[in-house]
Protein backbone atom coordinates (compact mmCIF):
# COMPACT_ATOMS: atom_id res chain seq x y z
CA MET A 1 -87.38 90.09 -37.41
CA LYS A 2 -85.20 87.90 -39.51
CA LYS A 3 -86.05 86.76 -42.36
CA TYR A 4 -85.22 82.75 -43.35
CA TYR A 5 -84.78 81.17 -46.55
CA ASP A 6 -88.05 79.37 -47.55
CA PHE A 7 -86.51 76.40 -48.69
CA THR A 8 -84.86 75.81 -45.10
CA ARG A 9 -88.36 76.01 -43.41
CA ARG A 10 -90.03 73.24 -45.44
CA GLU A 11 -89.74 69.75 -44.25
CA SER A 12 -89.77 68.18 -47.81
CA GLY A 13 -86.38 66.75 -47.54
CA PHE A 14 -84.70 69.39 -49.93
CA ILE A 15 -81.20 69.01 -47.78
CA LEU A 16 -81.16 64.95 -47.50
CA PRO A 17 -80.22 64.07 -51.01
CA TYR A 18 -77.48 66.35 -51.44
CA VAL A 19 -75.92 65.32 -47.83
CA LEU A 20 -76.59 61.44 -49.12
CA VAL A 21 -74.70 62.36 -52.08
CA ILE A 22 -71.71 64.01 -50.22
CA VAL A 23 -71.55 61.39 -47.67
CA THR A 24 -71.74 58.38 -50.47
CA ILE A 25 -68.63 60.18 -52.52
CA ALA A 26 -66.75 60.46 -49.00
CA LEU A 27 -67.10 56.85 -48.28
CA ILE A 28 -65.88 55.64 -51.59
CA VAL A 29 -63.05 57.85 -51.78
CA MET A 30 -61.80 56.77 -48.50
CA THR A 31 -62.74 53.03 -49.38
CA ALA A 32 -60.68 53.59 -52.30
CA SER A 33 -57.65 55.37 -50.59
CA ILE A 34 -57.76 52.30 -48.06
CA LYS A 35 -57.47 49.53 -50.77
CA ILE A 36 -54.57 51.22 -52.70
CA TYR A 37 -52.89 51.69 -49.33
CA GLU A 38 -53.31 48.15 -48.92
CA GLN A 39 -52.08 47.46 -52.48
CA GLU A 40 -48.93 49.57 -51.85
CA PHE A 41 -48.03 47.52 -48.72
CA LYS A 42 -47.96 44.56 -50.50
CA VAL A 43 -46.05 45.76 -53.37
CA THR A 44 -43.42 47.30 -51.03
CA HIS A 45 -42.91 43.99 -49.06
CA HIS A 46 -42.32 42.05 -52.45
CA TYR A 47 -39.95 44.74 -53.44
CA LEU A 48 -37.84 44.59 -50.27
CA GLU A 49 -37.85 40.50 -50.71
CA GLN A 50 -36.82 40.94 -54.25
CA ILE A 51 -33.68 43.18 -52.98
CA LYS A 52 -32.98 40.72 -50.05
CA ILE A 53 -33.03 37.74 -52.57
CA GLU A 54 -30.74 39.59 -55.14
CA THR A 55 -28.12 40.62 -52.23
CA LEU A 56 -28.17 36.95 -50.82
CA MET A 57 -27.29 35.62 -54.06
CA GLN A 58 -24.50 38.25 -55.01
CA MET A 59 -23.06 37.20 -51.41
CA ALA A 60 -22.79 33.63 -51.87
CA TYR A 61 -21.94 34.41 -55.50
CA VAL A 62 -18.63 36.25 -54.09
CA GLN A 63 -18.30 33.96 -51.25
CA PHE A 64 -18.07 31.14 -53.54
CA HIS A 65 -15.44 32.47 -55.68
CA GLU A 66 -13.48 33.04 -52.52
CA ASP A 67 -13.86 29.31 -51.43
CA TYR A 68 -13.38 27.31 -54.55
CA ASP A 69 -11.26 27.05 -57.72
CA MET A 70 -13.72 26.22 -60.68
CA ASN A 71 -10.74 24.82 -62.63
CA GLU A 72 -9.85 22.00 -60.40
CA ALA A 73 -13.42 21.18 -59.55
CA SER A 74 -15.80 18.88 -61.25
CA GLN A 75 -19.16 19.48 -59.33
CA ILE A 76 -19.56 21.53 -56.08
CA ARG A 77 -22.56 21.73 -53.80
CA THR A 78 -22.48 23.87 -50.83
CA GLU A 79 -24.67 26.02 -48.87
CA TYR A 80 -24.10 29.49 -47.30
CA GLU A 81 -26.11 30.84 -44.04
CA PHE A 82 -26.71 34.68 -43.70
CA PRO A 83 -28.24 36.83 -41.17
CA SER A 84 -31.17 37.14 -43.95
CA GLY A 85 -31.67 33.72 -45.42
CA SER A 86 -29.74 30.92 -46.48
CA VAL A 87 -28.32 30.18 -50.16
CA ASP A 88 -27.53 26.75 -51.89
CA VAL A 89 -25.00 27.11 -54.73
CA THR A 90 -24.77 24.20 -56.96
CA TYR A 91 -21.62 24.09 -59.80
CA SER A 92 -21.94 21.95 -62.34
CA PRO A 93 -19.44 22.31 -65.56
CA ILE A 94 -21.15 21.19 -68.60
CA THR A 95 -19.19 20.46 -71.89
CA ASP A 96 -19.16 22.84 -75.01
CA GLU A 97 -21.37 25.57 -72.77
CA PRO A 98 -20.12 28.22 -70.05
CA ASP A 99 -20.02 26.74 -66.75
CA THR A 100 -23.11 27.10 -64.67
CA LEU A 101 -23.99 28.20 -60.98
CA TYR A 102 -27.47 27.13 -59.83
CA PHE A 103 -28.65 28.92 -56.95
CA VAL A 104 -31.50 28.42 -54.56
CA VAL A 105 -32.07 31.50 -52.38
CA ASP A 106 -34.15 30.95 -49.09
CA THR A 107 -34.85 34.30 -47.13
CA ASP A 108 -35.73 34.61 -43.62
CA LYS A 109 -39.75 35.38 -44.49
CA ALA A 110 -39.85 31.72 -46.18
CA THR A 111 -39.58 33.13 -49.55
CA ARG A 112 -37.47 30.81 -52.12
CA TYR A 113 -36.38 31.55 -55.13
CA THR A 114 -34.13 29.79 -57.73
CA PHE A 115 -32.15 30.72 -60.87
CA LEU A 116 -28.79 30.07 -63.06
CA LYS A 117 -25.78 32.10 -63.16
CA LYS A 118 -23.24 31.19 -66.15
CA ILE A 119 -19.90 32.10 -65.65
CA LYS A 120 -16.93 32.15 -67.94
């Protein structure tokens, strides 16, 4: 006849606390993993938007230099449309300081960013 362990034959609930602890730990680990994944997704989205904004600004900067001669103009305001967004560029020469380009970048996902770039 097979011999059974005594603690498995008793009905005092010896195994249940261990199962509850293991299940609790597994749920905590899964919940933390899901939250980390959601946070990484948001960070990646913002990083891609930042790359898109910087690319739009650089494309507008190059296009502006091709279109206008800044030695002849007093003030210029133009808007460039690109597939991933639009850029509004304003050129305003300031006395005793380097000339300044003011960029307003709007992406196709409704993100807006503004910044100044001083040129020599």
